Protein backbone atom coordinates (compact mmCIF):
# COMPACT_ATOMS: atom_id res chain seq x y z
CA MET A 1 -0.07 0.13 -0.12
CA ARG A 2 1.22 3.50 -1.30
CA ALA A 3 1.36 6.19 1.69
CA LYS A 4 0.82 10.01 0.80
CA ALA A 5 4.08 11.51 -0.14
CA PHE A 6 5.12 14.50 2.24
CA ARG A 7 8.51 16.82 3.16
CA LEU A 8 10.12 15.60 6.18
CA LEU A 9 12.96 17.01 8.49
CA SER A 10 13.97 14.50 10.42
CA ALA A 11 15.60 14.17 13.76
CA ALA A 12 18.79 13.42 13.24
CA THR A 13 18.89 16.88 10.44
CA ALA A 14 17.26 18.61 13.40
CA ALA A 15 20.04 17.40 15.97
CA LEU A 16 22.65 18.18 13.06
CA LEU A 17 21.57 21.62 12.64
CA THR A 18 21.90 22.71 16.35
CA GLY A 19 24.91 20.44 16.72
CA CYS A 20 27.27 20.42 14.12
CA GLY A 21 30.33 22.29 15.60
CA SER A 22 31.83 25.34 14.97
CA ASP A 23 32.20 24.41 10.73
CA VAL A 24 28.61 24.73 10.04
CA ASP A 25 26.48 28.27 9.77
CA PRO A 26 24.91 28.32 13.44
CA SER A 27 21.68 29.39 11.01
CA GLY A 28 21.30 25.73 9.51
CA PHE A 29 19.96 24.54 6.40
CA THR A 30 17.23 22.13 5.56
CA PRO A 31 17.10 20.03 2.44
CA ASP A 32 13.89 19.91 0.58
CA THR A 33 13.04 16.75 1.39
CA VAL A 34 10.29 13.84 0.16
CA VAL A 35 9.64 10.45 1.93
CA GLU A 36 6.97 8.17 0.56
CA THR A 37 6.46 4.32 1.70
CA ILE A 38 5.80 1.49 -0.61
CA GLY A 39 5.27 -1.73 1.07
CA ASP A 40 8.47 -2.13 3.41
CA THR A 41 10.63 0.45 1.47
CA THR A 42 10.70 3.84 2.44
CA VAL A 43 11.79 5.89 0.01
CA VAL A 44 13.83 9.59 1.23
CA ARG A 45 14.08 11.70 -1.40
CA THR A 46 16.46 15.00 -1.71
CA LEU A 47 14.98 17.30 -4.34
CA SER A 48 17.11 20.08 -3.38
CA GLY A 49 19.47 21.37 -0.82
CA SER A 50 21.40 20.05 1.88
CA VAL A 51 22.24 20.29 5.76
CA TRP A 52 25.56 21.83 5.41
CA GLY A 53 24.48 24.03 2.78
CA THR A 54 27.89 24.06 0.92
CA GLU A 55 30.56 21.80 -0.08
CA ALA A 56 32.81 20.43 2.73
CA THR A 57 36.37 19.94 1.87
CA LEU A 58 38.99 17.85 3.85
CA VAL A 59 41.66 19.39 5.61
CA PRO A 60 44.63 16.81 6.07
CA GLU A 61 45.94 16.95 9.85
CA ILE A 62 48.32 13.91 10.07
CA THR A 63 50.47 12.65 7.51
CA ILE A 64 52.25 8.85 8.24
CA GLY A 65 54.60 8.03 5.53
CA ARG A 66 57.76 10.14 4.07
CA LEU A 67 59.94 9.56 1.30
CA ASP A 68 63.32 8.68 3.13
CA GLY A 69 63.72 8.37 6.97
CA PRO A 70 63.25 5.54 9.21
CA GLU A 71 62.32 2.47 7.92
CA GLU A 72 58.89 2.43 9.75
CA TYR A 73 57.42 4.98 7.93
CA LEU A 74 58.95 4.06 4.55
CA PHE A 75 56.04 1.94 2.52
CA GLY A 76 56.22 -0.41 -0.51
CA ILE A 77 52.78 -0.70 -1.82
CA ILE A 78 49.89 0.09 0.63
CA ARG A 79 47.49 -2.31 -0.41
CA SER A 80 44.38 -1.95 3.08
CA ILE A 81 44.12 0.64 5.75
CA ALA A 82 42.14 0.36 8.97
CA VAL A 83 41.26 2.28 11.67
CA GLY A 84 40.21 1.37 15.66
CA ASP A 85 37.75 2.93 17.40
CA ASP A 86 40.47 4.97 19.61
CA GLY A 87 42.08 6.14 16.49
CA THR A 88 45.06 3.50 15.96
CA VAL A 89 45.70 3.47 12.41
CA TYR A 90 46.83 -0.18 10.37
CA VAL A 91 48.72 0.43 7.23
CA LEU A 92 49.03 -3.49 5.39
CA ASP A 93 52.04 -2.92 2.78
CA LEU A 94 51.56 -5.46 0.13
CA GLN A 95 55.25 -5.78 -0.69
CA ALA A 96 56.74 -6.31 2.79
CA GLN A 97 53.64 -8.27 3.59
CA HIS A 98 53.05 -7.12 7.51
CA VAL A 99 51.00 -4.52 8.91
CA ARG A 100 52.33 -1.32 10.17
CA VAL A 101 50.92 0.26 13.11
CA PHE A 102 50.49 3.83 14.76
CA ASP A 103 48.62 5.42 16.81
CA SER A 104 45.91 8.15 17.19
CA LEU A 105 49.18 10.77 16.35
CA GLY A 106 50.42 9.12 13.49
CA VAL A 107 53.43 7.98 15.77
CA TYR A 108 55.03 4.25 15.10
CA VAL A 109 54.20 1.81 17.31
CA GLU A 110 54.86 -1.95 16.32
CA THR A 111 54.63 -4.18 13.10
CA LEU A 112 52.02 -7.29 12.95
CA GLY A 113 53.03 -10.09 10.61
CA ARG A 114 55.70 -10.90 8.30
CA ARG A 115 56.18 -13.13 5.19
CA GLY A 116 55.77 -16.39 5.76
CA GLU A 117 53.29 -19.57 6.11
CA GLY A 118 53.42 -19.93 10.00
CA PRO A 119 51.07 -18.43 12.88
CA GLY A 120 50.73 -14.62 12.65
CA GLU A 121 52.49 -14.62 9.35
CA PHE A 122 50.88 -13.70 5.34
CA THR A 123 51.55 -15.33 1.92
CA ALA A 124 49.24 -12.52 -0.09
CA ALA A 125 47.26 -10.53 2.61
CA GLU A 126 45.29 -8.12 0.88
CA ALA A 127 42.53 -6.63 3.24
CA LEU A 128 41.84 -5.72 6.81
CA ALA A 129 39.25 -4.83 9.14
CA ALA A 130 38.87 -3.05 12.68
CA LEU A 131 36.52 -5.51 14.60
CA PRO A 132 35.05 -3.79 17.31
CA ASP A 133 36.60 -5.25 20.51
CA GLY A 134 39.69 -3.58 19.62
CA ARG A 135 41.33 -7.00 17.29
CA LEU A 136 42.26 -6.72 13.63
CA ALA A 137 41.30 -8.80 10.84
CA VAL A 138 43.71 -9.54 8.11
CA ARG A 139 42.89 -11.35 4.70
CA ASP A 140 45.09 -13.78 3.36
CA PRO A 141 43.73 -15.70 1.08
CA GLU A 142 46.84 -17.83 -0.95
CA ASN A 143 47.00 -19.23 3.10
CA GLN A 144 43.18 -19.58 3.06
CA ARG A 145 42.61 -17.98 6.72
CA VAL A 146 41.74 -14.87 8.40
CA THR A 147 44.35 -14.30 10.57
CA VAL A 148 43.21 -12.18 14.01
CA PHE A 149 45.60 -10.10 15.99
CA GLY A 150 44.72 -9.12 19.71
CA PRO A 151 42.95 -7.81 21.88
CA GLY A 152 46.01 -8.56 24.13
CA GLN A 153 49.77 -8.32 22.89
CA GLY A 154 51.21 -11.05 21.16
CA GLU A 155 47.52 -12.46 20.64
CA ILE A 156 46.82 -14.49 17.73
CA ALA A 157 43.84 -16.53 15.81
CA GLU A 158 43.68 -17.78 12.30
CA TRP A 159 39.75 -17.91 11.22
CA ARG A 160 40.23 -20.76 8.22
CA TYR A 161 37.77 -20.47 5.04
CA ALA A 162 37.73 -22.11 2.12
CA GLY A 163 37.81 -20.03 -1.14
CA GLY A 164 41.58 -18.68 -1.53
CA VAL A 165 40.82 -16.16 -4.49
CA SER A 166 42.44 -12.69 -4.85
CA THR A 167 39.99 -9.72 -4.97
CA LEU A 168 39.99 -6.07 -4.58
CA SER A 169 37.20 -6.44 -2.18
CA PRO A 170 37.92 -4.90 1.11
CA LEU A 171 37.46 -6.97 4.69
CA TYR A 172 33.99 -5.50 6.39
CA ALA A 173 33.20 -5.84 10.02
CA ASP A 174 29.59 -5.33 11.56
CA THR A 175 29.22 -3.63 15.05
CA ARG A 176 28.01 -7.19 16.06
CA GLY A 177 31.33 -8.47 15.50
CA ARG A 178 30.91 -10.49 12.24
CA THR A 179 33.50 -10.13 9.53
CA LEU A 180 32.36 -10.85 5.97
CA LEU A 181 34.63 -11.49 2.93
CA LEU A 182 34.42 -11.89 -0.51
CA ALA A 183 35.42 -15.22 -1.34
CA GLY A 184 35.46 -17.77 -4.27
CA ASP A 185 33.87 -21.18 -4.88
CA LEU A 186 36.72 -23.05 -6.45
CA SER A 187 34.37 -26.63 -6.02
CA ARG A 188 32.45 -26.11 -9.49
CA MET A 189 33.91 -26.94 -12.74
CA ASN A 190 36.26 -24.22 -14.85
CA GLU A 191 34.00 -21.37 -12.93
CA ILE A 192 34.33 -19.55 -10.02
CA VAL A 193 31.69 -18.44 -8.41
CA MET A 194 32.27 -15.55 -6.07
CA GLU A 195 30.47 -16.01 -2.52
CA ILE A 196 30.30 -14.19 0.74
CA ILE A 197 31.99 -15.65 3.81
CA VAL A 198 29.99 -14.90 7.19
CA LEU A 199 32.42 -15.58 10.26
CA GLY A 200 30.91 -14.97 13.85
CA PRO A 201 33.39 -12.86 16.80
CA ASP A 202 35.11 -16.29 17.35
CA GLY A 203 35.67 -17.07 13.74
CA THR A 204 33.11 -19.74 13.58
CA HIS A 205 31.37 -19.87 9.95
CA LEU A 206 28.00 -18.63 10.36
CA ASP A 207 26.50 -18.46 6.87
CA THR A 208 27.68 -18.13 2.92
CA LEU A 209 25.95 -15.41 1.29
CA PRO A 210 25.15 -15.43 -2.81
CA GLU A 211 27.04 -11.65 -3.82
CA PRO A 212 24.72 -9.04 -4.74
CA SER A 213 23.65 -8.81 -7.84
CA SER A 214 21.21 -7.35 -10.33
CA ASP A 215 19.44 -8.47 -13.74
CA TYR A 216 20.90 -5.46 -15.28
CA GLU A 217 23.93 -6.71 -17.64
CA ALA A 218 26.18 -4.33 -18.71
CA PRO A 219 27.44 -4.07 -22.15
CA TYR A 220 31.00 -4.99 -23.40
CA VAL A 221 32.94 -5.47 -25.96
CA ARG A 222 35.03 -9.01 -26.87
CA ALA A 223 37.54 -10.03 -29.11
CA GLU A 224 38.45 -14.18 -29.38
CA VAL A 225 41.73 -14.44 -29.45
CA PRO A 226 43.71 -17.75 -31.22
CA GLY A 227 43.83 -20.81 -28.85
CA GLY A 228 40.18 -20.15 -27.99
CA LEU A 229 40.16 -17.32 -25.46
CA SER A 230 38.42 -14.24 -25.45
CA VAL A 231 39.44 -10.53 -24.24
CA THR A 232 36.53 -8.72 -22.89
CA TYR A 233 36.09 -4.86 -21.89
CA GLY A 234 33.07 -3.43 -20.19
CA VAL A 235 31.59 -0.41 -22.76
CA PRO A 236 33.21 3.06 -20.89
CA PHE A 237 30.69 5.09 -19.06
CA THR A 238 28.00 2.30 -19.13
CA PRO A 239 26.03 2.18 -15.80
CA ARG A 240 27.61 -0.61 -13.07
CA PHE A 241 25.84 -2.23 -10.41
CA HIS A 242 27.58 -1.44 -7.26
CA TRP A 243 27.44 -2.88 -3.27
CA THR A 244 29.25 -2.74 -0.27
CA PHE A 245 28.27 -3.82 3.46
CA HIS A 246 27.37 -1.73 6.07
CA PRO A 247 28.20 -1.24 9.66
CA SER A 248 24.62 -2.13 10.78
CA GLY A 249 24.58 -5.89 8.98
CA HIS A 250 23.08 -5.62 5.90
CA PHE A 251 24.09 -4.52 2.46
CA LEU A 252 23.91 -1.24 0.30
CA THR A 253 23.36 -1.53 -3.00
CA GLY A 254 22.74 0.52 -5.90
CA LEU A 255 22.77 0.50 -10.22
CA SER A 256 23.84 3.77 -11.27
CA SER A 257 21.88 4.46 -14.51
CA GLU A 258 19.96 6.07 -11.46
CA TYR A 259 20.30 8.27 -8.38
CA ARG A 260 18.63 5.30 -6.08
CA ILE A 261 20.58 3.38 -3.54
CA ASP A 262 18.95 0.86 -1.09
CA LEU A 263 19.87 0.05 2.33
CA ALA A 264 18.34 -3.35 3.60
CA THR A 265 17.25 -2.99 7.19
CA ASP A 266 15.62 -5.14 9.51
CA GLU A 267 12.10 -3.18 8.82
CA GLY A 268 12.62 -3.64 4.96
CA VAL A 269 14.87 -1.33 2.69
CA LEU A 270 15.49 2.08 3.33
CA ARG A 271 15.60 3.80 -0.48
CA ILE A 272 17.76 6.85 -0.89
CA GLU A 273 17.21 8.79 -3.88
CA ARG A 274 18.18 12.64 -5.03
CA SER A 275 17.22 15.04 -7.97
CA GLN A 276 20.31 15.20 -9.97
CA ASP A 277 21.27 15.94 -13.80
CA PRO A 278 23.63 13.42 -14.92
CA VAL A 279 27.29 14.26 -15.94
CA PRO A 280 28.36 14.56 -19.35
CA ALA A 281 31.40 12.76 -21.13
CA SER A 282 32.70 14.78 -23.52
CA ASP A 283 33.24 14.11 -26.53
CA ALA A 284 37.31 13.76 -26.50
CA GLU A 285 37.47 11.73 -23.37
CA ARG A 286 34.90 8.98 -24.98
CA ALA A 287 37.59 8.90 -27.91
CA TYR A 288 40.01 8.89 -25.16
CA GLN A 289 38.26 5.92 -23.29
CA ARG A 290 37.93 3.73 -26.42
CA ASP A 291 41.10 4.13 -27.61
CA LEU A 292 42.54 2.68 -24.44
CA ALA A 293 39.74 -0.26 -24.92
CA VAL A 294 40.83 -0.69 -28.52
CA ALA A 295 45.16 -0.75 -27.34
CA GLY A 296 44.25 -3.35 -24.84
CA ILE A 297 42.66 -5.56 -26.95
CA ARG A 298 45.61 -4.86 -29.57
CA ARG A 299 48.08 -6.40 -27.26
CA SER A 300 46.27 -9.64 -27.93
CA LEU A 301 44.33 -9.20 -31.38
CA PRO A 302 47.08 -6.79 -33.77
CA GLY A 303 44.04 -4.98 -35.72
CA TRP A 304 41.65 -5.52 -33.87
CA GLU A 305 38.82 -2.43 -34.23
CA TRP A 306 35.82 -0.99 -32.20
CA ASP A 307 32.69 -3.08 -32.82
CA GLY A 308 30.49 -2.69 -29.71
CA PRO A 309 28.21 -0.58 -28.89
CA ALA A 310 28.20 3.47 -28.93
CA ILE A 311 29.71 4.82 -25.85
CA PRO A 312 27.44 7.30 -23.89
CA GLY A 313 27.11 10.92 -24.30
CA ARG A 314 26.26 10.65 -20.14
CA LYS A 315 28.35 9.09 -16.96
CA PRO A 316 26.35 7.38 -14.77
CA PHE A 317 25.64 8.92 -11.53
CA PHE A 318 28.06 7.17 -9.27
CA ARG A 319 31.10 4.99 -9.45
CA ALA A 320 31.44 3.63 -5.69
CA LEU A 321 29.34 3.22 -2.71
CA ARG A 322 30.84 3.37 0.69
CA ALA A 323 29.68 2.90 4.58
CA GLY A 324 31.40 5.37 7.44
CA ARG A 325 32.34 3.88 10.56
CA ASP A 326 29.24 6.08 12.02
CA GLY A 327 27.11 4.39 9.53
CA ARG A 328 27.01 7.47 7.17
CA ILE A 329 26.31 6.68 3.22
CA TRP A 330 29.16 8.25 1.31
CA VAL A 331 28.40 7.64 -2.99
CA ARG A 332 31.35 8.63 -4.69
CA LEU A 333 29.83 11.06 -7.98
CA SER A 334 30.73 10.86 -11.61
CA THR A 335 32.29 14.17 -12.37
CA ALA A 336 33.45 15.59 -15.16
CA GLY A 337 36.95 14.60 -16.95
CA HIS A 338 39.87 16.56 -17.42
CA PRO A 339 43.17 16.33 -19.76
CA VAL A 340 46.30 15.49 -17.86
CA ASP A 341 49.85 14.91 -19.43
CA ASN A 342 51.03 12.32 -18.93
CA ALA A 343 54.73 12.32 -17.65
CA ASP A 344 55.22 8.57 -18.19
CA HIS A 345 54.42 8.61 -21.61
CA ASP A 346 56.38 6.10 -24.02
CA PRO A 347 56.05 7.31 -27.74
CA ASP A 348 57.30 3.41 -28.82
CA ASP A 349 54.13 1.43 -26.39
CA PRO A 350 50.73 1.71 -28.83
CA GLY A 351 49.05 1.45 -25.45
CA SER A 352 50.57 4.62 -23.99
CA PHE A 353 48.94 7.64 -24.62
CA PRO A 354 50.71 11.48 -24.44
CA VAL A 355 47.57 12.60 -22.63
CA THR A 356 45.30 10.53 -20.00
CA TRP A 357 41.32 12.17 -18.22
CA GLU A 358 40.90 12.13 -14.85
CA GLU A 359 38.17 12.63 -12.85
CA ALA A 360 38.27 14.92 -9.35
CA ILE A 361 36.85 12.98 -6.14
CA ARG A 362 33.90 14.10 -4.53
CA TYR A 363 31.50 12.34 -2.37
CA ASP A 364 27.85 12.82 -1.33
CA VAL A 365 26.95 11.96 2.05
CA PHE A 366 23.97 10.57 4.19
CA GLU A 367 22.96 10.00 7.19
CA PRO A 368 22.03 6.38 8.12
CA ASP A 369 18.01 7.39 7.62
CA GLY A 370 18.33 9.04 4.15
CA THR A 371 19.24 12.68 4.97
CA TYR A 372 21.13 14.33 2.78
CA LEU A 373 24.22 16.41 4.57
CA GLY A 374 26.11 17.60 1.68
CA VAL A 375 29.15 16.73 -0.94
CA VAL A 376 32.71 16.30 0.31
CA VAL A 377 35.26 17.46 -2.20
CA ALA A 378 38.59 15.70 -1.92
CA PRO A 379 42.26 17.21 -2.77
CA ASP A 380 43.92 16.54 -5.45
CA GLU A 381 46.08 13.94 -4.26
CA PHE A 382 43.89 11.53 -2.18
CA THR A 383 42.95 8.44 -4.30
CA SER A 384 40.27 6.17 -3.68
CA PHE A 385 41.82 3.10 -3.28
CA PRO A 386 43.19 1.30 -1.04
CA VAL A 387 39.46 2.16 0.34
CA PRO A 388 39.42 5.06 2.49
CA VAL A 389 38.36 4.85 6.03
CA PHE A 390 35.17 7.50 7.10
CA GLY A 391 34.34 8.79 10.14
CA SER A 392 31.44 11.26 11.47
CA ASP A 393 34.31 14.09 11.13
CA HIS A 394 37.62 12.73 9.48
CA VAL A 395 38.24 10.49 6.70
CA TRP A 396 42.03 8.45 6.64
CA ALA A 397 43.22 8.02 2.85
CA VAL A 398 46.24 6.60 0.77
CA THR A 399 47.51 9.86 -1.23
CA GLU A 400 50.28 9.54 -3.63
CA ASP A 401 52.75 12.15 -4.67
CA GLU A 402 54.14 12.73 -8.40
CA GLN A 403 56.93 10.54 -7.29
CA GLY A 404 55.06 7.81 -6.63
CA VAL A 405 55.74 8.03 -2.67
CA GLN A 406 52.27 7.00 -0.73
CA ARG A 407 51.52 8.41 2.73
CA VAL A 408 48.29 7.73 5.16
CA VAL A 409 46.68 11.30 5.73
CA ARG A 410 44.07 11.80 8.65
CA TYR A 411 41.73 15.02 6.91
CA ARG A 412 39.38 16.73 8.94
CA ILE A 413 35.94 17.13 7.11
CA ARG A 414 35.64 21.30 7.29
CA LYS A 415 31.94 21.92 6.51
CA GLY A 416 31.07 25.34 5.73
CA ALA A 417 34.09 28.16 5.10
CA THR A 418 34.72 29.11 8.43
CA GLU A 419 36.44 26.94 10.87
């Protein structure tokens, strides 16, 4: 049964207007929001405006990592970061196969693990999660285990699981202490089916869930190469189905053809919508993306020409969904591309181009009840992978400078023009 739509100023919004701190105009702002109930789905649609009233920015406060100096502050390839409730920062180095631990001020504390197959050692560790009781979980698919450090000094536990497939997916944890990891079902002939393994606070296998999916099939181009193999590329700027895990213990999903995001809840579904025009894709950027795909396929099949669907003239509404430690929802938006000179251009490599195209990183931020807070603009050095850690007042992210040096930076979210 469909209830009548109505305007809503939620309790969460009212609290934010009165208690956001000195970064927000004390007069406050009220987004124009419509809420309607359709069966067990509550739709929260923002028509205009935001709680913050203006763009928020990220102000660096603490930086961990250096070009040279003490070894404890030098990183090879940062693959994952995590942050504990007390502000402790954990950094997984893919090259070194260990985790460096820093306190809330960025001071080195200790190193956990090393390369190997024994207790507390890693073969190909790739993701971290800070558990709510102060422990740290590390996913190591080649050893088919999650190694858990703490809570006491020197305490180590090993949680075994089946499906040692390397992925770029984060390691997830919810407020109930459950850990969720994406793994491959290797028992099926000639096929790897990705599944989500749910582990309890003691590592007990609680459940195996299918990876969230959609009936939508993204368009692609495919080239058949000698030997019966094929090379497949997704068509640039076509929508994708995105999902992540929310700390409440539910999935957050969305198909980027529309600005529509679903958060499963104990009572049903919270659907978040926002009135927004799609970002156009320029002819030059579309041509670059096409040439990039063609060059990639020509590495396996010289002379191949694009024979797939046309590249859309508009971009999907969003590029990724993330959930903050506090339950807030962060939506990475598609933004206008701009050309950048490629300092590593190799004129002898057909797959290398003198100019690349980049997008500025911007996030829409919503409260867990769907209230639209506003947009956060990330600085140029900010990278979206490894996945940043999002909090109420801070964001922890990996940055990379022109020399390729990676650092972990804690940013304060500055809302409004004044401190």
